[in-house]
């Protein structure tokens, strides 16, 4: 997992489900340059956790949802990951639902 640069942009998208409706994907783009130092650290911790747990592509199924994350930053290879919604860390769900504000929530 590369270290987050201030110019990095993380995209978080939720896909799938029985009826794939593009409006429900609610893609998020998180620009690291707009985050506080603490938020960037929390995001780095979350990405490190995801990277250490990453395995093969999530299993396909009729009513399965997947979070797709991609990190783009200058002078680094694009990092991508797909996570089954049921196994995604709570922080990923929070990023998708609330954007960068989820990085301010207390850890549990």
PDB file of N, CA and C in Angstrom:
ATOM      1  N   UNK A   1       0.845  -1.181   0.000  1.00  0.00           N
ATOM      2  CA  UNK A   1       0.000   0.000   0.000  1.00  0.00           C
ATOM      3  C   UNK A   1       0.884   1.236   0.000  1.00  0.00           C
ATOM      4  N   UNK A   2       0.725   2.095  -0.976  1.00  0.00           N
ATOM      5  CA  UNK A   2       1.528   3.319  -0.996  1.00  0.00           C
ATOM      6  C   UNK A   2       1.115   4.284   0.110  1.00  0.00           C
ATOM      7  N   UNK A   3       2.027   5.144   0.494  1.00  0.00           N
ATOM      8  CA  UNK A   3       1.722   6.176   1.482  1.00  0.00           C
ATOM      9  C   UNK A   3       0.911   7.256   0.799  1.00  0.00           C
ATOM     10  N   UNK A   4      -0.040   7.836   1.497  1.00  0.00           N
ATOM     11  CA  UNK A   4      -0.907   8.861   0.918  1.00  0.00           C
ATOM     12  C   UNK A   4      -0.152  10.166   0.710  1.00  0.00           C
ATOM     13  N   UNK A   5      -0.213  10.668  -0.489  1.00  0.00           N
ATOM     14  CA  UNK A   5       0.348  11.981  -0.807  1.00  0.00           C
ATOM     15  C   UNK A   5      -0.785  13.001  -0.701  1.00  0.00           C
ATOM     16  N   UNK A   6      -0.453  14.268  -0.423  1.00  0.00           N
ATOM     17  CA  UNK A   6      -1.510  15.284  -0.343  1.00  0.00           C
ATOM     18  C   UNK A   6      -2.331  15.399  -1.630  1.00  0.00           C
ATOM     19  N   UNK A   7      -1.748  15.058  -2.775  1.00  0.00           N
ATOM     20  CA  UNK A   7      -2.472  15.165  -4.042  1.00  0.00           C
ATOM     21  C   UNK A   7      -3.279  13.904  -4.374  1.00  0.00           C
ATOM     22  N   UNK A   8      -3.264  12.905  -3.505  1.00  0.00           N
ATOM     23  CA  UNK A   8      -3.966  11.649  -3.761  1.00  0.00           C
ATOM     24  C   UNK A   8      -5.480  11.856  -3.728  1.00  0.00           C
ATOM     25  N   UNK A   9      -6.165  11.032  -4.529  1.00  0.00           N
ATOM     26  CA  UNK A   9      -7.631  11.041  -4.563  1.00  0.00           C
ATOM     27  C   UNK A   9      -8.098   9.600  -4.446  1.00  0.00           C
ATOM     28  N   UNK A  10      -8.976   9.351  -3.470  1.00  0.00           N
ATOM     29  CA  UNK A  10      -9.539   8.023  -3.264  1.00  0.00           C
ATOM     30  C   UNK A  10     -10.982   8.034  -3.747  1.00  0.00           C
ATOM     31  N   UNK A  11     -11.319   7.097  -4.614  1.00  0.00           N
ATOM     32  CA  UNK A  11     -12.696   6.928  -5.073  1.00  0.00           C
ATOM     33  C   UNK A  11     -13.277   5.700  -4.376  1.00  0.00           C
ATOM     34  N   UNK A  12     -14.492   5.838  -3.839  1.00  0.00           N
ATOM     35  CA  UNK A  12     -15.195   4.741  -3.174  1.00  0.00           C
ATOM     36  C   UNK A  12     -16.567   4.622  -3.832  1.00  0.00           C
ATOM     37  N   UNK A  13     -16.856   3.443  -4.384  1.00  0.00           N
ATOM     38  CA  UNK A  13     -18.118   3.205  -5.076  1.00  0.00           C
ATOM     39  C   UNK A  13     -18.713   1.899  -4.564  1.00  0.00           C
ATOM     40  N   UNK A  14     -20.028   1.883  -4.398  1.00  0.00           N
ATOM     41  CA  UNK A  14     -20.720   0.645  -4.031  1.00  0.00           C
ATOM     42  C   UNK A  14     -21.474   0.157  -5.261  1.00  0.00           C
ATOM     43  N   UNK A  15     -21.249  -1.100  -5.618  1.00  0.00           N
ATOM     44  CA  UNK A  15     -21.856  -1.676  -6.818  1.00  0.00           C
ATOM     45  C   UNK A  15     -22.601  -2.953  -6.469  1.00  0.00           C
ATOM     46  N   UNK A  16     -23.484  -3.354  -7.378  1.00  0.00           N
ATOM     47  CA  UNK A  16     -24.134  -4.652  -7.256  1.00  0.00           C
ATOM     48  C   UNK A  16     -25.505  -4.577  -6.649  1.00  0.00           C
ATOM     49  N   UNK A  17     -25.932  -5.689  -6.134  1.00  0.00           N
ATOM     50  CA  UNK A  17     -27.272  -5.815  -5.594  1.00  0.00           C
ATOM     51  C   UNK A  17     -28.191  -6.436  -6.623  1.00  0.00           C
ATOM     52  N   UNK A  18     -29.359  -6.824  -6.188  1.00  0.00           N
ATOM     53  CA  UNK A  18     -30.322  -7.487  -7.063  1.00  0.00           C
ATOM     54  C   UNK A  18     -30.737  -6.573  -8.208  1.00  0.00           C
ATOM     55  N   UNK A  19     -31.031  -5.331  -7.876  1.00  0.00           N
ATOM     56  CA  UNK A  19     -31.402  -4.341  -8.886  1.00  0.00           C
ATOM     57  C   UNK A  19     -30.340  -3.251  -8.863  1.00  0.00           C
ATOM     58  N   UNK A  20     -29.411  -3.330  -9.780  1.00  0.00           N
ATOM     59  CA  UNK A  20     -28.332  -2.345  -9.838  1.00  0.00           C
ATOM     60  C   UNK A  20     -28.887  -1.021 -10.357  1.00  0.00           C
ATOM     61  N   UNK A  21     -28.963  -0.046  -9.470  1.00  0.00           N
ATOM     62  CA  UNK A  21     -29.481   1.271  -9.810  1.00  0.00           C
ATOM     63  C   UNK A  21     -28.339   2.262  -9.648  1.00  0.00           C
ATOM     64  N   UNK A  22     -27.887   2.859 -10.756  1.00  0.00           N
ATOM     65  CA  UNK A  22     -26.722   3.748 -10.687  1.00  0.00           C
ATOM     66  C   UNK A  22     -26.844   4.850  -9.632  1.00  0.00           C
ATOM     67  N   UNK A  23     -28.019   5.370  -9.388  1.00  0.00           N
ATOM     68  CA  UNK A  23     -28.194   6.432  -8.397  1.00  0.00           C
ATOM     69  C   UNK A  23     -27.876   6.001  -6.980  1.00  0.00           C
ATOM     70  N   UNK A  24     -27.945   4.702  -6.712  1.00  0.00           N
ATOM     71  CA  UNK A  24     -27.669   4.201  -5.374  1.00  0.00           C
ATOM     72  C   UNK A  24     -26.180   3.936  -5.149  1.00  0.00           C
ATOM     73  N   UNK A  25     -25.374   4.035  -6.210  1.00  0.00           N
ATOM     74  CA  UNK A  25     -23.934   3.820  -6.063  1.00  0.00           C
ATOM     75  C   UNK A  25     -23.293   4.907  -5.217  1.00  0.00           C
ATOM     76  N   UNK A  26     -23.772   6.119  -5.338  1.00  0.00           N
ATOM     77  CA  UNK A  26     -23.245   7.288  -4.626  1.00  0.00           C
ATOM     78  C   UNK A  26     -21.724   7.284  -4.554  1.00  0.00           C
ATOM     79  N   UNK A  27     -21.086   7.405  -5.692  1.00  0.00           N
ATOM     80  CA  UNK A  27     -19.612   7.410  -5.653  1.00  0.00           C
ATOM     81  C   UNK A  27     -19.081   8.578  -4.839  1.00  0.00           C
ATOM     82  N   UNK A  28     -18.014   8.338  -4.113  1.00  0.00           N
ATOM     83  CA  UNK A  28     -17.347   9.370  -3.302  1.00  0.00           C
ATOM     84  C   UNK A  28     -15.939   9.572  -3.822  1.00  0.00           C
ATOM     85  N   UNK A  29     -15.529  10.805  -3.882  1.00  0.00           N
ATOM     86  CA  UNK A  29     -14.140  11.139  -4.212  1.00  0.00           C
ATOM     87  C   UNK A  29     -13.583  11.905  -3.030  1.00  0.00           C
ATOM     88  N   UNK A  30     -12.567  11.355  -2.433  1.00  0.00           N
ATOM     89  CA  UNK A  30     -11.956  11.968  -1.252  1.00  0.00           C
ATOM     90  C   UNK A  30     -10.593  12.507  -1.655  1.00  0.00           C
ATOM     91  N   UNK A  31     -10.473  13.815  -1.627  1.00  0.00           N
ATOM     92  CA  UNK A  31      -9.232  14.483  -1.999  1.00  0.00           C
ATOM     93  C   UNK A  31      -8.390  14.665  -0.746  1.00  0.00           C
ATOM     94  N   UNK A  32      -7.261  14.008  -0.706  1.00  0.00           N
ATOM     95  CA  UNK A  32      -6.415  14.022   0.492  1.00  0.00           C
ATOM     96  C   UNK A  32      -5.892  15.413   0.825  1.00  0.00           C
ATOM     97  N   UNK A  33      -5.737  16.256  -0.175  1.00  0.00           N
ATOM     98  CA  UNK A  33      -5.270  17.620   0.063  1.00  0.00           C
ATOM     99  C   UNK A  33      -6.240  18.452   0.872  1.00  0.00           C
ATOM    100  N   UNK A  34      -7.507  18.028   0.932  1.00  0.00           N
ATOM    101  CA  UNK A  34      -8.524  18.753   1.697  1.00  0.00           C
ATOM    102  C   UNK A  34      -8.725  18.175   3.095  1.00  0.00           C
ATOM    103  N   UNK A  35      -7.991  17.115   3.417  1.00  0.00           N
ATOM    104  CA  UNK A  35      -8.119  16.472   4.721  1.00  0.00           C
ATOM    105  C   UNK A  35      -7.140  17.073   5.720  1.00  0.00           C
ATOM    106  N   UNK A  36      -7.510  17.013   6.989  1.00  0.00           N
ATOM    107  CA  UNK A  36      -6.576  17.401   8.047  1.00  0.00           C
ATOM    108  C   UNK A  36      -5.519  16.298   8.180  1.00  0.00           C
ATOM    109  N   UNK A  37      -4.462  16.593   8.894  1.00  0.00           N
ATOM    110  CA  UNK A  37      -3.410  15.598   9.116  1.00  0.00           C
ATOM    111  C   UNK A  37      -3.989  14.363   9.804  1.00  0.00           C
ATOM    112  N   UNK A  38      -4.837  14.565  10.797  1.00  0.00           N
ATOM    113  CA  UNK A  38      -5.448  13.442  11.526  1.00  0.00           C
ATOM    114  C   UNK A  38      -6.333  12.598  10.608  1.00  0.00           C
ATOM    115  N   UNK A  39      -7.120  13.268   9.760  1.00  0.00           N
ATOM    116  CA  UNK A  39      -7.964  12.535   8.827  1.00  0.00           C
ATOM    117  C   UNK A  39      -7.118  11.721   7.849  1.00  0.00           C
ATOM    118  N   UNK A  40      -6.024  12.298   7.369  1.00  0.00           N
ATOM    119  CA  UNK A  40      -5.140  11.582   6.448  1.00  0.00           C
ATOM    120  C   UNK A  40      -4.526  10.361   7.130  1.00  0.00           C
ATOM    121  N   UNK A  41      -4.143  10.518   8.400  1.00  0.00           N
ATOM    122  CA  UNK A  41      -3.585   9.386   9.149  1.00  0.00           C
ATOM    123  C   UNK A  41      -4.625   8.280   9.313  1.00  0.00           C
ATOM    124  N   UNK A  42      -5.854   8.661   9.631  1.00  0.00           N
ATOM    125  CA  UNK A  42      -6.925   7.663   9.796  1.00  0.00           C
ATOM    126  C   UNK A  42      -7.217   6.954   8.476  1.00  0.00           C
ATOM    127  N   UNK A  43      -7.203   7.719   7.381  1.00  0.00           N
ATOM    128  CA  UNK A  43      -7.430   7.120   6.073  1.00  0.00           C
ATOM    129  C   UNK A  43      -6.298   6.162   5.726  1.00  0.00           C
ATOM    130  N   UNK A  44      -5.066   6.536   6.016  1.00  0.00           N
ATOM    131  CA  UNK A  44      -3.925   5.656   5.756  1.00  0.00           C
ATOM    132  C   UNK A  44      -4.055   4.364   6.559  1.00  0.00           C
ATOM    133  N   UNK A  45      -4.461   4.470   7.830  1.00  0.00           N
ATOM    134  CA  UNK A  45      -4.650   3.279   8.664  1.00  0.00           C
ATOM    135  C   UNK A  45      -5.719   2.366   8.069  1.00  0.00           C
ATOM    136  N   UNK A  46      -6.807   2.955   7.591  1.00  0.00           N
ATOM    137  CA  UNK A  46      -7.887   2.172   7.001  1.00  0.00           C
ATOM    138  C   UNK A  46      -7.405   1.467   5.732  1.00  0.00           C
ATOM    139  N   UNK A  47      -6.691   2.178   4.877  1.00  0.00           N
ATOM    140  CA  UNK A  47      -6.188   1.572   3.647  1.00  0.00           C
ATOM    141  C   UNK A  47      -5.162   0.475   3.934  1.00  0.00           C
ATOM    142  N   UNK A  48      -4.328   0.681   4.946  1.00  0.00           N
ATOM    143  CA  UNK A  48      -3.377  -0.361   5.341  1.00  0.00           C
ATOM    144  C   UNK A  48      -4.112  -1.612   5.827  1.00  0.00           C
ATOM    145  N   UNK A  49      -5.173  -1.418   6.603  1.00  0.00           N
ATOM    146  CA  UNK A  49      -5.975  -2.543   7.101  1.00  0.00           C
ATOM    147  C   UNK A  49      -6.609  -3.304   5.936  1.00  0.00           C
ATOM    148  N   UNK A  50      -7.165  -2.569   4.986  1.00  0.00           N
ATOM    149  CA  UNK A  50      -7.783  -3.194   3.817  1.00  0.00           C
ATOM    150  C   UNK A  50      -6.745  -3.960   3.023  1.00  0.00           C
ATOM    151  N   UNK A  51      -5.602  -3.353   2.797  1.00  0.00           N
ATOM    152  CA  UNK A  51      -4.554  -3.984   1.997  1.00  0.00           C
ATOM    153  C   UNK A  51      -4.047  -5.264   2.650  1.00  0.00           C
ATOM    154  N   UNK A  52      -3.956  -5.276   3.976  1.00  0.00           N
ATOM    155  CA  UNK A  52      -3.465  -6.470   4.669  1.00  0.00           C
ATOM    156  C   UNK A  52      -4.491  -7.603   4.659  1.00  0.00           C
ATOM    157  N   UNK A  53      -5.771  -7.268   4.515  1.00  0.00           N
ATOM    158  CA  UNK A  53      -6.828  -8.279   4.510  1.00  0.00           C
ATOM    159  C   UNK A  53      -7.274  -8.659   3.109  1.00  0.00           C
ATOM    160  N   UNK A  54      -6.802  -7.926   2.105  1.00  0.00           N
ATOM    161  CA  UNK A  54      -7.275  -8.142   0.734  1.00  0.00           C
ATOM    162  C   UNK A  54      -6.988  -9.554   0.270  1.00  0.00           C
ATOM    163  N   UNK A  55      -7.955 -10.091  -0.433  1.00  0.00           N
ATOM    164  CA  UNK A  55      -7.793 -11.419  -1.011  1.00  0.00           C
ATOM    165  C   UNK A  55      -8.252 -11.348  -2.468  1.00  0.00           C
ATOM    166  N   UNK A  56      -8.790 -12.408  -2.952  1.00  0.00           N
ATOM    167  CA  UNK A  56      -9.258 -12.457  -4.334  1.00  0.00           C
ATOM    168  C   UNK A  56     -10.506 -11.587  -4.504  1.00  0.00           C
ATOM    169  N   UNK A  57     -10.935 -11.484  -5.730  1.00  0.00           N
ATOM    170  CA  UNK A  57     -12.146 -10.739  -6.072  1.00  0.00           C
ATOM    171  C   UNK A  57     -13.314 -11.281  -5.242  1.00  0.00           C
ATOM    172  N   UNK A  58     -14.214 -10.406  -4.771  1.00  0.00           N
ATOM    173  CA  UNK A  58     -15.354 -10.866  -3.978  1.00  0.00           C
ATOM    174  C   UNK A  58     -16.210 -11.871  -4.758  1.00  0.00           C
ATOM    175  N   UNK A  59     -16.869 -12.752  -4.021  1.00  0.00           N
ATOM    176  CA  UNK A  59     -17.718 -13.761  -4.648  1.00  0.00           C
ATOM    177  C   UNK A  59     -18.914 -13.099  -5.326  1.00  0.00           C
ATOM    178  N   UNK A  60     -19.293 -13.645  -6.469  1.00  0.00           N
ATOM    179  CA  UNK A  60     -20.456 -13.135  -7.191  1.00  0.00           C
ATOM    180  C   UNK A  60     -21.713 -13.736  -6.584  1.00  0.00           C
ATOM    181  N   UNK A  61     -22.811 -13.044  -6.746  1.00  0.00           N
ATOM    182  CA  UNK A  61     -24.075 -13.544  -6.231  1.00  0.00           C
ATOM    183  C   UNK A  61     -25.198 -12.623  -6.654  1.00  0.00           C
ATOM    184  N   UNK A  62     -26.416 -13.106  -6.528  1.00  0.00           N
ATOM    185  CA  UNK A  62     -27.580 -12.358  -7.003  1.00  0.00           C
ATOM    186  C   UNK A  62     -27.787 -11.043  -6.266  1.00  0.00           C
ATOM    187  N   UNK A  63     -27.620 -11.035  -4.982  1.00  0.00           N
ATOM    188  CA  UNK A  63     -27.899  -9.815  -4.229  1.00  0.00           C
ATOM    189  C   UNK A  63     -26.685  -9.396  -3.403  1.00  0.00           C
ATOM    190  N   UNK A  64     -25.529  -9.448  -4.000  1.00  0.00           N
ATOM    191  CA  UNK A  64     -24.296  -9.078  -3.296  1.00  0.00           C
ATOM    192  C   UNK A  64     -23.881  -7.690  -3.728  1.00  0.00           C
ATOM    193  N   UNK A  65     -23.338  -6.972  -2.778  1.00  0.00           N
ATOM    194  CA  UNK A  65     -22.821  -5.641  -3.076  1.00  0.00           C
ATOM    195  C   UNK A  65     -21.327  -5.630  -2.796  1.00  0.00           C
ATOM    196  N   UNK A  66     -20.632  -4.806  -3.554  1.00  0.00           N
ATOM    197  CA  UNK A  66     -19.187  -4.718  -3.480  1.00  0.00           C
ATOM    198  C   UNK A  66     -18.791  -3.257  -3.403  1.00  0.00           C
ATOM    199  N   UNK A  67     -17.817  -2.969  -2.547  1.00  0.00           N
ATOM    200  CA  UNK A  67     -17.201  -1.651  -2.533  1.00  0.00           C
ATOM    201  C   UNK A  67     -15.953  -1.720  -3.396  1.00  0.00           C
ATOM    202  N   UNK A  68     -15.845  -0.799  -4.337  1.00  0.00           N
ATOM    203  CA  UNK A  68     -14.641  -0.683  -5.159  1.00  0.00           C
ATOM    204  C   UNK A  68     -13.922   0.588  -4.758  1.00  0.00           C
ATOM    205  N   UNK A  69     -12.659   0.431  -4.405  1.00  0.00           N
ATOM    206  CA  UNK A  69     -11.836   1.570  -4.021  1.00  0.00           C
ATOM    207  C   UNK A  69     -10.700   1.700  -5.012  1.00  0.00           C
ATOM    208  N   UNK A  70     -10.388   2.912  -5.385  1.00  0.00           N
ATOM    209  CA  UNK A  70      -9.209   3.142  -6.212  1.00  0.00           C
ATOM    210  C   UNK A  70      -8.531   4.412  -5.732  1.00  0.00           C
ATOM    211  N   UNK A  71      -7.231   4.325  -5.616  1.00  0.00           N
ATOM    212  CA  UNK A  71      -6.415   5.437  -5.134  1.00  0.00           C
ATOM    213  C   UNK A  71      -5.509   5.889  -6.263  1.00  0.00           C
ATOM    214  N   UNK A  72      -5.653   7.129  -6.621  1.00  0.00           N
ATOM    215  CA  UNK A  72      -4.813   7.721  -7.658  1.00  0.00           C
ATOM    216  C   UNK A  72      -3.968   8.801  -7.015  1.00  0.00           C
ATOM    217  N   UNK A  73      -2.682   8.760  -7.307  1.00  0.00           N
ATOM    218  CA  UNK A  73      -1.794   9.797  -6.820  1.00  0.00           C
ATOM    219  C   UNK A  73      -0.636   9.955  -7.791  1.00  0.00           C
ATOM    220  N   UNK A  74      -0.109  11.175  -7.836  1.00  0.00           N
ATOM    221  CA  UNK A  74       0.966  11.427  -8.786  1.00  0.00           C
ATOM    222  C   UNK A  74       2.192  10.548  -8.503  1.00  0.00           C
ATOM    223  N   UNK A  75       2.835  10.158  -9.566  1.00  0.00           N
ATOM    224  CA  UNK A  75       4.090   9.408  -9.480  1.00  0.00           C
ATOM    225  C   UNK A  75       3.968   8.100  -8.712  1.00  0.00           C
ATOM    226  N   UNK A  76       2.800   7.497  -8.736  1.00  0.00           N
ATOM    227  CA  UNK A  76       2.606   6.198  -8.090  1.00  0.00           C
ATOM    228  C   UNK A  76       1.589   5.403  -8.908  1.00  0.00           C
ATOM    229  N   UNK A  77       1.728   4.110  -8.849  1.00  0.00           N
ATOM    230  CA  UNK A  77       0.788   3.250  -9.552  1.00  0.00           C
ATOM    231  C   UNK A  77      -0.571   3.328  -8.874  1.00  0.00           C
ATOM    232  N   UNK A  78      -1.622   3.283  -9.668  1.00  0.00           N
ATOM    233  CA  UNK A  78      -2.980   3.318  -9.117  1.00  0.00           C
ATOM    234  C   UNK A  78      -3.213   2.047  -8.292  1.00  0.00           C
ATOM    235  N   UNK A  79      -3.736   2.212  -7.087  1.00  0.00           N
ATOM    236  CA  UNK A  79      -4.050   1.079  -6.207  1.00  0.00           C
ATOM    237  C   UNK A  79      -5.549   0.866  -6.280  1.00  0.00           C
ATOM    238  N   UNK A  80      -5.981  -0.388  -6.430  1.00  0.00           N
ATOM    239  CA  UNK A  80      -7.401  -0.705  -6.492  1.00  0.00           C
ATOM    240  C   UNK A  80      -7.710  -1.904  -5.629  1.00  0.00           C
ATOM    241  N   UNK A  81      -8.946  -1.923  -5.147  1.00  0.00           N
ATOM    242  CA  UNK A  81      -9.369  -3.024  -4.287  1.00  0.00           C
ATOM    243  C   UNK A  81     -10.885  -3.171  -4.388  1.00  0.00           C
ATOM    244  N   UNK A  82     -11.365  -4.399  -4.317  1.00  0.00           N
ATOM    245  CA  UNK A  82     -12.795  -4.683  -4.272  1.00  0.00           C
ATOM    246  C   UNK A  82     -13.069  -5.472  -3.000  1.00  0.00           C
ATOM    247  N   UNK A  83     -14.083  -5.035  -2.254  1.00  0.00           N
ATOM    248  CA  UNK A  83     -14.421  -5.674  -0.983  1.00  0.00           C
ATOM    249  C   UNK A  83     -15.892  -6.051  -0.962  1.00  0.00           C
ATOM    250  N   UNK A  84     -16.186  -7.266  -0.551  1.00  0.00           N
ATOM    251  CA  UNK A  84     -17.566  -7.668  -0.347  1.00  0.00           C
ATOM    252  C   UNK A  84     -18.153  -6.780   0.754  1.00  0.00           C
ATOM    253  N   UNK A  85     -19.344  -6.258   0.534  1.00  0.00           N
ATOM    254  CA  UNK A  85     -19.952  -5.340   1.501  1.00  0.00           C
ATOM    255  C   UNK A  85     -20.035  -5.949   2.903  1.00  0.00           C
ATOM    256  N   UNK A  86     -20.356  -7.226   2.978  1.00  0.00           N
ATOM    257  CA  UNK A  86     -20.509  -7.885   4.276  1.00  0.00           C
ATOM    258  C   UNK A  86     -19.193  -7.994   5.039  1.00  0.00           C
ATOM    259  N   UNK A  87     -18.064  -7.939   4.330  1.00  0.00           N
ATOM    260  CA  UNK A  87     -16.770  -8.095   4.980  1.00  0.00           C
ATOM    261  C   UNK A  87     -15.958  -6.805   5.007  1.00  0.00           C
ATOM    262  N   UNK A  88     -16.527  -5.740   4.486  1.00  0.00           N
ATOM    263  CA  UNK A  88     -15.799  -4.467   4.431  1.00  0.00           C
ATOM    264  C   UNK A  88     -15.682  -3.865   5.829  1.00  0.00           C
ATOM    265  N   UNK A  89     -14.529  -3.294   6.156  1.00  0.00           N
ATOM    266  CA  UNK A  89     -14.396  -2.611   7.448  1.00  0.00           C
ATOM    267  C   UNK A  89     -15.425  -1.488   7.574  1.00  0.00           C
ATOM    268  N   UNK A  90     -15.849  -1.250   8.774  1.00  0.00           N
ATOM    269  CA  UNK A  90     -16.848  -0.217   9.043  1.00  0.00           C
ATOM    270  C   UNK A  90     -16.420   1.141   8.502  1.00  0.00           C
ATOM    271  N   UNK A  91     -15.118   1.407   8.504  1.00  0.00           N
ATOM    272  CA  UNK A  91     -14.607   2.668   8.001  1.00  0.00           C
ATOM    273  C   UNK A  91     -14.888   2.880   6.525  1.00  0.00           C
ATOM    274  N   UNK A  92     -14.894   1.805   5.740  1.00  0.00           N
ATOM    275  CA  UNK A  92     -15.194   1.911   4.312  1.00  0.00           C
ATOM    276  C   UNK A  92     -16.654   2.298   4.118  1.00  0.00           C
ATOM    277  N   UNK A  93     -17.533   1.654   4.888  1.00  0.00           N
ATOM    278  CA  UNK A  93     -18.954   1.984   4.811  1.00  0.00           C
ATOM    279  C   UNK A  93     -19.167   3.448   5.204  1.00  0.00           C
ATOM    280  N   UNK A  94     -18.484   3.896   6.241  1.00  0.00           N
ATOM    281  CA  UNK A  94     -18.590   5.284   6.671  1.00  0.00           C
ATOM    282  C   UNK A  94     -18.108   6.255   5.613  1.00  0.00           C
ATOM    283  N   UNK A  95     -16.998   5.940   4.959  1.00  0.00           N
ATOM    284  CA  UNK A  95     -16.504   6.811   3.877  1.00  0.00           C
ATOM    285  C   UNK A  95     -17.517   6.906   2.758  1.00  0.00           C
ATOM    286  N   UNK A  96     -18.108   5.784   2.408  1.00  0.00           N
ATOM    287  CA  UNK A  96     -19.084   5.774   1.324  1.00  0.00           C
ATOM    288  C   UNK A  96     -20.335   6.557   1.719  1.00  0.00           C
ATOM    289  N   UNK A  97     -20.791   6.396   2.946  1.00  0.00           N
ATOM    290  CA  UNK A  97     -22.014   7.059   3.376  1.00  0.00           C
ATOM    291  C   UNK A  97     -21.815   8.542   3.675  1.00  0.00           C
ATOM    292  N   UNK A  98     -20.712   8.889   4.335  1.00  0.00           N
ATOM    293  CA  UNK A  98     -20.547  10.244   4.865  1.00  0.00           C
ATOM    294  C   UNK A  98     -19.373  11.017   4.287  1.00  0.00           C
ATOM    295  N   UNK A  99     -18.582  10.383   3.436  1.00  0.00           N
ATOM    296  CA  UNK A  99     -17.416  11.064   2.883  1.00  0.00           C
ATOM    297  C   UNK A  99     -16.351  11.288   3.945  1.00  0.00           C
ATOM    298  N   UNK A 100     -15.522  12.324   3.782  1.00  0.00           N
ATOM    299  CA  UNK A 100     -14.405  12.554   4.700  1.00  0.00           C
ATOM    300  C   UNK A 100     -14.823  12.763   6.159  1.00  0.00           C
ATOM    301  N   UNK A 101     -16.049  13.200   6.399  1.00  0.00           N
ATOM    302  CA  UNK A 101     -16.518  13.390   7.770  1.00  0.00           C
ATOM    303  C   UNK A 101     -16.468  12.121   8.593  1.00  0.00           C
ATOM    304  N   UNK A 102     -16.527  10.968   7.933  1.00  0.00           N
ATOM    305  CA  UNK A 102     -16.462   9.685   8.648  1.00  0.00           C
ATOM    306  C   UNK A 102     -15.101   9.495   9.306  1.00  0.00           C
ATOM    307  N   UNK A 103     -14.079  10.169   8.813  1.00  0.00           N
ATOM    308  CA  UNK A 103     -12.740  10.048   9.399  1.00  0.00           C
ATOM    309  C   UNK A 103     -12.625  10.787  10.729  1.00  0.00           C
ATOM    310  N   UNK A 104     -13.630  11.594  11.063  1.00  0.00           N
ATOM    311  CA  UNK A 104     -13.646  12.324  12.334  1.00  0.00           C
ATOM    312  C   UNK A 104     -14.361  11.559  13.431  1.00  0.00           C
ATOM    313  N   UNK A 105     -15.068  10.496  13.057  1.00  0.00           N
ATOM    314  CA  UNK A 105     -15.822   9.718  14.045  1.00  0.00           C
ATOM    315  C   UNK A 105     -14.868   8.971  14.949  1.00  0.00           C
ATOM    316  N   UNK A 106     -15.227   8.812  16.227  1.00  0.00           N
ATOM    317  CA  UNK A 106     -14.357   8.079  17.157  1.00  0.00           C
ATOM    318  C   UNK A 106     -14.208   6.618  16.733  1.00  0.00           C
ATOM    319  N   UNK A 107     -13.018   6.083  16.939  1.00  0.00           N
ATOM    320  CA  UNK A 107     -12.761   4.664  16.638  1.00  0.00           C
ATOM    321  C   UNK A 107     -13.368   3.811  17.720  1.00  0.00           C
ATOM    322  N   UNK A 108     -13.833   2.608  17.319  1.00  0.00           N
ATOM    323  CA  UNK A 108     -14.385   1.685  18.319  1.00  0.00           C
ATOM    324  C   UNK A 108     -13.643   0.389  18.272  1.00  0.00           C
TER     325      UNK A 108
END
